[in-house]
C-alpha atoms as a PDB file:
ATOM      1  CA  MET A   1     -91.660  44.787 140.834  1.00  0.00           C
ATOM      2  CA  THR A   2     -92.725  48.310 139.960  1.00  0.00           C
ATOM      3  CA  ASP A   3     -90.051  49.177 137.411  1.00  0.00           C
ATOM      4  CA  SER A   4     -91.292  49.294 133.860  1.00  0.00           C
ATOM      5  CA  TYR A   5     -89.483  47.532 131.097  1.00  0.00           C
ATOM      6  CA  PRO A   6     -88.128  48.579 128.726  1.00  0.00           C
ATOM      7  CA  PRO A   7     -87.511  52.029 130.172  1.00  0.00           C
ATOM      8  CA  ALA A   8     -89.993  54.540 128.818  1.00  0.00           C
ATOM      9  CA  GLU A   9     -87.387  57.302 128.589  1.00  0.00           C
ATOM     10  CA  PRO A  10     -86.523  58.127 124.971  1.00  0.00           C
ATOM     11  CA  GLY A  11     -83.056  57.081 123.898  1.00  0.00           C
ATOM     12  CA  THR A  12     -82.643  54.335 126.496  1.00  0.00           C
ATOM     13  CA  ALA A  13     -81.840  50.754 125.591  1.00  0.00           C
ATOM     14  CA  GLY A  14     -84.811  48.539 124.900  1.00  0.00           C
ATOM     15  CA  PRO A  15     -86.004  46.255 122.139  1.00  0.00           C
ATOM     16  CA  VAL A  16     -89.143  48.214 121.307  1.00  0.00           C
ATOM     17  CA  GLU A  17     -88.938  51.885 122.231  1.00  0.00           C
ATOM     18  CA  GLY A  18     -91.987  53.183 124.088  1.00  0.00           C
ATOM     19  CA  VAL A  19     -93.394  49.755 125.015  1.00  0.00           C
ATOM     20  CA  VAL A  20     -93.763  49.318 128.766  1.00  0.00           C
ATOM     21  CA  VAL A  21     -93.876  45.810 130.190  1.00  0.00           C
ATOM     22  CA  GLN A  22     -94.108  45.221 133.929  1.00  0.00           C
ATOM     23  CA  GLY A  23     -92.144  42.418 135.613  1.00  0.00           C
ATOM     24  CA  GLN A  24     -95.264  40.259 136.045  1.00  0.00           C
ATOM     25  CA  GLU A  25     -96.252  40.730 132.452  1.00  0.00           C
ATOM     26  CA  LEU A  26     -92.711  40.030 131.303  1.00  0.00           C
ATOM     27  CA  ALA A  27     -92.646  36.596 132.985  1.00  0.00           C
ATOM     28  CA  ASP A  28     -95.944  35.639 131.331  1.00  0.00           C
ATOM     29  CA  LEU A  29     -94.846  36.981 127.946  1.00  0.00           C
ATOM     30  CA  VAL A  30     -91.547  35.099 128.177  1.00  0.00           C
ATOM     31  CA  ALA A  31     -93.339  31.839 129.013  1.00  0.00           C
ATOM     32  CA  THR A  32     -95.763  32.280 126.117  1.00  0.00           C
ATOM     33  CA  ALA A  33     -93.012  33.182 123.639  1.00  0.00           C
ATOM     34  CA  VAL A  34     -90.836  30.211 124.654  1.00  0.00           C
ATOM     35  CA  LEU A  35     -93.681  27.700 124.409  1.00  0.00           C
ATOM     36  CA  ARG A  36     -94.406  28.854 120.845  1.00  0.00           C
ATOM     37  CA  VAL A  37     -90.904  27.946 119.653  1.00  0.00           C
ATOM     38  CA  PRO A  38     -90.949  24.676 117.658  1.00  0.00           C
ATOM     39  CA  GLY A  39     -89.060  21.971 119.529  1.00  0.00           C
ATOM     40  CA  VAL A  40     -89.934  23.237 123.027  1.00  0.00           C
ATOM     41  CA  ALA A  41     -92.132  20.711 124.830  1.00  0.00           C
ATOM     42  CA  ARG A  42     -92.619  22.644 128.081  1.00  0.00           C
ATOM     43  CA  LEU A  43     -90.906  24.807 130.670  1.00  0.00           C
ATOM     44  CA  HIS A  44     -88.921  23.177 133.478  1.00  0.00           C
ATOM     45  CA  PRO A  45     -88.603  24.550 137.027  1.00  0.00           C
ATOM     46  CA  GLY A  46     -84.944  23.525 137.342  1.00  0.00           C
ATOM     47  CA  ARG A  47     -83.375  20.785 139.397  1.00  0.00           C
ATOM     48  CA  PHE A  48     -84.400  22.288 142.724  1.00  0.00           C
ATOM     49  CA  GLY A  49     -87.199  24.575 141.547  1.00  0.00           C
ATOM     50  CA  GLU A  50     -84.827  27.532 141.293  1.00  0.00           C
ATOM     51  CA  VAL A  51     -85.936  28.718 137.843  1.00  0.00           C
ATOM     52  CA  VAL A  52     -89.128  30.483 138.844  1.00  0.00           C
ATOM     53  CA  THR A  53     -90.656  33.932 138.937  1.00  0.00           C
ATOM     54  CA  LEU A  54     -92.770  34.454 142.036  1.00  0.00           C
ATOM     55  CA  LEU A  55     -95.828  36.605 141.464  1.00  0.00           C
ATOM     56  CA  PRO A  56     -98.637  37.585 143.822  1.00  0.00           C
ATOM     57  CA  GLY A  57    -100.573  34.385 144.440  1.00  0.00           C
ATOM     58  CA  ARG A  58     -98.827  32.317 141.753  1.00  0.00           C
ATOM     59  CA  ARG A  59     -95.530  31.352 140.175  1.00  0.00           C
ATOM     60  CA  VAL A  60     -94.218  31.039 136.639  1.00  0.00           C
ATOM     61  CA  SER A  61     -92.034  27.923 136.694  1.00  0.00           C
ATOM     62  CA  GLY A  62     -89.273  27.698 134.113  1.00  0.00           C
ATOM     63  CA  VAL A  63     -88.852  31.492 133.840  1.00  0.00           C
ATOM     64  CA  ARG A  64     -86.676  33.620 136.082  1.00  0.00           C
ATOM     65  CA  VAL A  65     -86.819  37.364 135.502  1.00  0.00           C
ATOM     66  CA  ARG A  66     -83.801  39.026 137.065  1.00  0.00           C
ATOM     67  CA  PRO A  67     -84.191  42.525 138.457  1.00  0.00           C
ATOM     68  CA  ALA A  68     -83.198  45.472 136.305  1.00  0.00           C
ATOM     69  CA  VAL A  69     -79.721  46.823 137.033  1.00  0.00           C
ATOM     70  CA  GLU A  70     -77.669  49.790 135.879  1.00  0.00           C
ATOM     71  CA  THR A  71     -75.367  48.813 133.016  1.00  0.00           C
ATOM     72  CA  VAL A  72     -71.994  50.061 131.885  1.00  0.00           C
ATOM     73  CA  ALA A  73     -73.763  51.786 128.979  1.00  0.00           C
ATOM     74  CA  GLY A  74     -74.410  54.752 131.207  1.00  0.00           C
ATOM     75  CA  PRO A  75     -76.585  56.060 134.013  1.00  0.00           C
ATOM     76  CA  GLY A  76     -80.292  55.540 133.537  1.00  0.00           C
ATOM     77  CA  VAL A  77     -79.839  52.610 131.139  1.00  0.00           C
ATOM     78  CA  ARG A  78     -81.347  49.528 132.771  1.00  0.00           C
ATOM     79  CA  THR A  79     -81.583  45.985 131.511  1.00  0.00           C
ATOM     80  CA  GLU A  80     -83.539  43.060 132.841  1.00  0.00           C
ATOM     81  CA  GLY A  81     -82.097  39.594 132.369  1.00  0.00           C
ATOM     82  CA  VAL A  82     -84.146  36.469 131.781  1.00  0.00           C
ATOM     83  CA  GLU A  83     -83.344  32.819 132.427  1.00  0.00           C
ATOM     84  CA  VAL A  84     -85.466  30.024 131.015  1.00  0.00           C
ATOM     85  CA  ALA A  85     -85.264  26.262 131.560  1.00  0.00           C
ATOM     86  CA  LEU A  86     -86.733  24.044 128.856  1.00  0.00           C
ATOM     87  CA  VAL A  87     -87.710  20.516 128.052  1.00  0.00           C
ATOM     88  CA  VAL A  88     -87.169  20.022 124.328  1.00  0.00           C
ATOM     89  CA  THR A  89     -88.210  17.404 121.803  1.00  0.00           C
ATOM     90  CA  PRO A  90     -85.749  15.656 119.489  1.00  0.00           C
ATOM     91  CA  ALA A  91     -87.652  17.013 116.468  1.00  0.00           C
ATOM     92  CA  ARG A  92     -85.092  19.801 115.896  1.00  0.00           C
ATOM     93  CA  PRO A  93     -81.382  20.219 116.620  1.00  0.00           C
ATOM     94  CA  LEU A  94     -80.738  21.751 120.060  1.00  0.00           C
ATOM     95  CA  PRO A  95     -78.669  24.695 118.763  1.00  0.00           C
ATOM     96  CA  ASP A  96     -81.553  25.691 116.472  1.00  0.00           C
ATOM     97  CA  VAL A  97     -84.109  25.525 119.305  1.00  0.00           C
ATOM     98  CA  VAL A  98     -81.875  27.577 121.632  1.00  0.00           C
ATOM     99  CA  ALA A  99     -81.194  30.154 118.901  1.00  0.00           C
ATOM    100  CA  ASP A 100     -84.927  30.508 118.227  1.00  0.00           C
ATOM    101  CA  VAL A 101     -85.655  30.920 121.951  1.00  0.00           C
ATOM    102  CA  ARG A 102     -82.996  33.638 122.226  1.00  0.00           C
ATOM    103  CA  GLU A 103     -84.380  35.377 119.142  1.00  0.00           C
ATOM    104  CA  ALA A 104     -87.951  35.280 120.489  1.00  0.00           C
ATOM    105  CA  LEU A 105     -86.870  36.647 123.870  1.00  0.00           C
ATOM    106  CA  GLY A 106     -84.644  39.265 122.296  1.00  0.00           C
ATOM    107  CA  LEU A 107     -87.850  41.012 121.251  1.00  0.00           C
ATOM    108  CA  LEU A 108     -88.987  41.169 124.888  1.00  0.00           C
ATOM    109  CA  THR A 109     -85.841  42.077 126.800  1.00  0.00           C
ATOM    110  CA  ALA A 110     -82.633  43.966 126.128  1.00  0.00           C
ATOM    111  CA  GLY A 111     -80.891  42.153 128.962  1.00  0.00           C
ATOM    112  CA  PRO A 112     -79.040  38.861 128.798  1.00  0.00           C
ATOM    113  CA  VAL A 113     -81.023  35.720 127.970  1.00  0.00           C
ATOM    114  CA  ASP A 114     -79.795  32.468 129.518  1.00  0.00           C
ATOM    115  CA  VAL A 115     -81.277  29.264 128.116  1.00  0.00           C
ATOM    116  CA  LEU A 116     -80.954  25.987 130.029  1.00  0.00           C
ATOM    117  CA  VAL A 117     -81.985  22.773 128.287  1.00  0.00           C
ATOM    118  CA  ALA A 118     -83.009  20.785 131.343  1.00  0.00           C
ATOM    119  CA  ASP A 119     -84.386  17.645 129.721  1.00  0.00           C
ATOM    120  CA  LEU A 120     -85.178  15.889 126.467  1.00  0.00           C
ATOM    121  CA  GLU A 121     -88.699  14.575 126.026  1.00  0.00           C
ATOM    122  CA  VAL A 122     -88.656  11.322 124.143  1.00  0.00           C
ATOM    123  CA  THR A 123     -91.962   9.683 123.362  1.00  0.00           C
ATOM    124  CA  PRO A 124     -91.889   5.913 123.763  1.00  0.00           C
ATOM    125  CA  VAL A 125     -91.804   3.977 120.511  1.00  0.00           C
ATOM    126  CA  GLU A 126     -94.508   1.358 120.170  1.00  0.00           C
ATOM    127  CA  PRO A 127     -93.125  -2.091 119.297  1.00  0.00           C
ATOM    128  CA  PRO A 128     -94.459  -3.552 116.051  1.00  0.00           C
ATOM    129  CA  ALA A 129     -97.715  -5.412 116.481  1.00  0.00           C
ATOM    130  CA  GLU A 130     -97.442  -9.185 116.798  1.00  0.00           C
ATOM    131  CA  PRO A 131     -99.328 -11.119 114.115  1.00  0.00           C
ATOM    132  CA  SER A 132    -102.584 -12.378 115.543  1.00  0.00           C
ATOM    133  CA  LEU A 133    -103.844 -15.934 115.308  1.00  0.00           C
ATOM    134  CA  HIS A 134    -107.329 -14.589 115.833  1.00  0.00           C
ATOM    135  CA  PRO A 135    -108.616 -12.688 112.842  1.00  0.00           C
ATOM    136  CA  ALA A 136    -110.320  -9.360 113.207  1.00  0.00           C
ATOM    137  CA  SER A 137    -114.019  -9.416 112.519  1.00  0.00           C
ATOM    138  CA  GLY A 138    -114.828  -9.433 108.838  1.00  0.00           C
ATOM    139  CA  SER A 139    -111.439 -10.679 107.676  1.00  0.00           C
ATOM    140  CA  THR A 140    -110.304 -13.989 106.293  1.00  0.00           C
ATOM    141  CA  PRO A 141    -109.610 -16.543 109.023  1.00  0.00           C
ATOM    142  CA  VAL A 142    -105.993 -17.344 109.721  1.00  0.00           C
ATOM    143  CA  ASP A 143    -105.226 -21.008 108.999  1.00  0.00           C
ATOM    144  CA  PRO A 144    -102.614 -22.404 111.357  1.00  0.00           C
ATOM    145  CA  ALA A 145    -100.084 -24.904 110.021  1.00  0.00           C
ATOM    146  CA  PRO A 146    -101.832 -27.792 108.238  1.00  0.00           C
ATOM    147  CA  GLY A 147    -101.956 -31.237 109.757  1.00  0.00           C
ATOM    148  CA  PRO A 148    -102.874 -32.677 113.133  1.00  0.00           C
ATOM    149  CA  VAL A 149    -101.781 -30.800 116.161  1.00  0.00           C
ATOM    150  CA  ALA A 150    -100.606 -32.953 119.051  1.00  0.00           C
ATOM    151  CA  ALA A 151    -101.403 -31.815 122.541  1.00  0.00           C
ATOM    152  CA  PRO A 152     -98.372 -31.163 124.697  1.00  0.00           C
ATOM    153  CA  GLY A 153     -97.534 -33.634 127.434  1.00  0.00           C
ATOM    154  CA  PRO A 154     -97.088 -37.385 127.660  1.00  0.00           C
ATOM    155  CA  ALA A 155     -98.889 -39.690 125.213  1.00  0.00           C
ATOM    156  CA  PRO A 156    -102.017 -41.343 126.587  1.00  0.00           C
ATOM    157  CA  HIS A 157    -101.562 -44.924 127.810  1.00  0.00           C
ATOM    158  CA  ASP A 158    -103.474 -47.540 125.722  1.00  0.00           C
ATOM    159  CA  PRO A 159    -104.038 -50.782 127.659  1.00  0.00           C
ATOM    160  CA  ALA A 160    -104.721 -53.385 125.000  1.00  0.00           C
END
Protein backbone atom coordinates (compact mmCIF):
# COMPACT_ATOMS: atom_id res chain seq x y z
CA MET A 1 0.00 0.00 0.00
CA THR A 2 1.66 3.22 -1.09
CA ASP A 3 -1.04 5.70 -0.10
CA SER A 4 -0.18 7.78 2.92
CA TYR A 5 -2.58 8.20 5.76
CA PRO A 6 -3.94 10.59 6.77
CA PRO A 7 -3.69 12.54 3.53
CA ALA A 8 -0.90 15.09 3.69
CA GLU A 9 -2.91 17.70 1.77
CA PRO A 10 -3.96 20.60 4.01
CA GLY A 11 -7.66 20.75 4.76
CA THR A 12 -8.35 17.06 4.16
CA ALA A 13 -9.95 14.83 6.76
CA GLY A 14 -7.57 13.17 9.17
CA PRO A 15 -7.16 12.87 12.91
CA VAL A 16 -3.80 14.60 13.10
CA GLU A 17 -3.16 17.00 10.24
CA GLY A 18 0.27 16.62 8.64
CA VAL A 19 1.04 13.19 10.14
CA VAL A 20 1.70 10.58 7.47
CA VAL A 21 1.25 6.92 8.35
CA GLN A 22 1.75 4.20 5.76
CA GLY A 23 -0.55 1.17 5.61
CA GLN A 24 2.09 -1.13 7.13
CA GLU A 25 2.77 1.28 9.92
CA LEU A 26 -0.94 1.77 10.52
CA ALA A 27 -1.52 -1.96 11.11
CA ASP A 28 1.32 -2.08 13.65
CA LEU A 29 0.17 1.12 15.36
CA VAL A 30 -3.40 -0.19 15.57
CA ALA A 31 -2.22 -3.46 17.12
CA THR A 32 -0.08 -1.64 19.68
CA ALA A 33 -2.83 0.84 20.58
CA VAL A 34 -5.45 -1.91 21.01
CA LEU A 35 -3.21 -4.06 23.22
CA ARG A 36 -2.64 -1.10 25.55
CA VAL A 37 -6.36 -0.75 26.30
CA PRO A 38 -7.19 -2.18 29.76
CA GLY A 39 -9.38 -5.26 29.42
CA VAL A 40 -7.91 -6.42 26.09
CA ALA A 41 -6.09 -9.73 26.54
CA ARG A 42 -4.88 -10.17 22.95
CA LEU A 43 -5.84 -9.81 19.31
CA HIS A 44 -7.81 -12.58 17.59
CA PRO A 45 -7.47 -13.56 13.92
CA GLY A 46 -11.21 -14.19 13.50
CA ARG A 47 -13.08 -17.44 13.10
CA PHE A 48 -11.43 -18.32 9.80
CA GLY A 49 -8.36 -16.09 10.01
CA GLU A 50 -10.10 -13.34 8.05
CA VAL A 51 -9.14 -10.45 10.35
CA VAL A 52 -5.57 -9.96 9.20
CA THR A 53 -3.37 -7.43 7.48
CA LEU A 54 -0.89 -9.07 5.14
CA LEU A 55 2.47 -7.32 5.00
CA PRO A 56 5.65 -8.23 3.13
CA GLY A 57 6.95 -11.35 4.86
CA ARG A 58 4.55 -11.22 7.82
CA ARG A 59 0.98 -10.72 8.95
CA VAL A 60 -0.73 -8.73 11.68
CA SER A 61 -3.48 -11.02 12.96
CA GLY A 62 -6.49 -9.39 14.59
CA VAL A 63 -6.16 -6.15 12.56
CA ARG A 64 -7.61 -5.57 9.12
CA VAL A 65 -6.77 -2.25 7.48
CA ARG A 66 -9.21 -1.55 4.68
CA PRO A 67 -7.98 0.37 1.66
CA ALA A 68 -8.57 4.10 1.50
CA VAL A 69 -11.61 5.10 -0.56
CA GLU A 70 -13.13 8.36 -1.75
CA THR A 71 -15.87 9.52 0.62
CA VAL A 72 -19.02 11.53 0.13
CA ALA A 73 -17.25 14.46 1.82
CA GLY A 74 -15.79 15.43 -1.51
CA PRO A 75 -13.11 14.58 -4.04
CA GLY A 76 -9.66 14.07 -2.61
CA VAL A 77 -10.94 13.21 0.87
CA ARG A 78 -9.93 9.63 1.63
CA THR A 79 -10.54 7.53 4.70
CA GLU A 80 -9.09 4.20 5.70
CA GLY A 81 -11.25 1.87 7.75
CA VAL A 82 -9.95 -0.48 10.41
CA GLU A 83 -11.40 -3.70 11.81
CA VAL A 84 -10.05 -5.30 14.96
CA ALA A 85 -10.95 -8.60 16.62
CA LEU A 86 -10.25 -8.91 20.33
CA VAL A 87 -10.10 -11.35 23.18
CA VAL A 88 -11.11 -9.47 26.32
CA THR A 89 -10.89 -10.16 30.03
CA PRO A 90 -13.89 -9.93 32.37
CA ALA A 91 -12.07 -7.25 34.39
CA ARG A 92 -14.06 -4.42 32.74
CA PRO A 93 -17.51 -4.14 31.17
CA LEU A 94 -17.47 -4.90 27.43
CA PRO A 95 -19.02 -1.57 26.37
CA ASP A 96 -16.25 0.29 28.21
CA VAL A 97 -13.50 -1.78 26.57
CA VAL A 98 -15.02 -1.30 23.09
CA ALA A 99 -15.45 2.44 23.67
CA ASP A 100 -11.81 2.75 24.76
CA VAL A 101 -10.63 0.79 21.71
CA ARG A 102 -12.64 3.06 19.40
CA GLU A 103 -11.26 6.14 21.15
CA ALA A 104 -7.66 4.90 20.86
CA LEU A 105 -8.09 4.09 17.17
CA GLY A 106 -9.89 7.34 16.49
CA LEU A 107 -6.52 9.03 16.98
CA LEU A 108 -5.00 6.87 14.22
CA THR A 109 -7.68 6.78 11.54
CA ALA A 110 -10.49 9.01 10.35
CA GLY A 111 -12.26 6.06 8.76
CA PRO A 112 -14.75 3.72 10.39
CA VAL A 113 -13.54 1.51 13.24
CA ASP A 114 -15.23 -1.88 13.60
CA VAL A 115 -14.58 -3.76 16.85
CA LEU A 116 -15.36 -7.47 17.12
CA VAL A 117 -15.19 -9.10 20.54
CA ALA A 118 -14.28 -12.61 19.45
CA ASP A 119 -13.74 -14.29 22.81
CA LEU A 120 -13.66 -13.84 26.56
CA GLU A 121 -10.55 -14.98 28.37
CA VAL A 122 -11.45 -16.45 31.72
CA THR A 123 -8.64 -17.63 33.94
CA PRO A 124 -9.43 -20.87 35.75
CA VAL A 125 -10.25 -20.47 39.43
CA GLU A 126 -8.18 -22.63 41.74
CA PRO A 127 -10.32 -24.72 44.11
CA PRO A 128 -9.65 -24.09 47.80
CA ALA A 129 -6.81 -26.16 49.18
CA GLU A 130 -7.81 -29.33 51.02
CA PRO A 131 -6.65 -29.47 54.64
CA SER A 132 -3.58 -31.65 54.88
CA LEU A 133 -3.10 -34.48 57.35
CA HIS A 134 0.62 -34.07 56.87
CA PRO A 135 1.95 -30.91 58.44
CA ALA A 136 4.32 -28.65 56.60
CA SER A 137 7.84 -28.66 57.94
CA GLY A 138 8.24 -26.57 61.05
CA SER A 139 4.56 -26.52 61.99
CA THR A 140 2.64 -28.22 64.74
CA PRO A 141 1.73 -31.81 63.88
CA VAL A 142 -1.88 -32.50 63.04
CA ASP A 143 -3.44 -34.91 65.54
CA PRO A 144 -6.02 -37.16 63.92
CA ALA A 145 -9.13 -38.10 65.90
CA PRO A 146 -8.20 -39.52 69.31
CA GLY A 147 -8.62 -43.19 70.09
CA PRO A 148 -7.66 -46.44 68.40
CA VAL A 149 -8.03 -46.63 64.70
CA ALA A 150 -9.31 -49.94 63.38
CA ALA A 151 -7.94 -51.19 60.11
CA PRO A 152 -10.53 -51.65 57.41
CA GLY A 153 -11.56 -55.16 56.46
CA PRO A 154 -12.73 -58.24 58.32
CA ALA A 155 -11.70 -58.81 61.95
CA PRO A 156 -8.84 -61.26 62.43
CA HIS A 157 -9.88 -64.80 63.40
CA ASP A 158 -8.77 -65.84 66.94
CA PRO A 159 -8.68 -69.63 67.35
CA ALA A 160 -8.82 -70.19 71.09
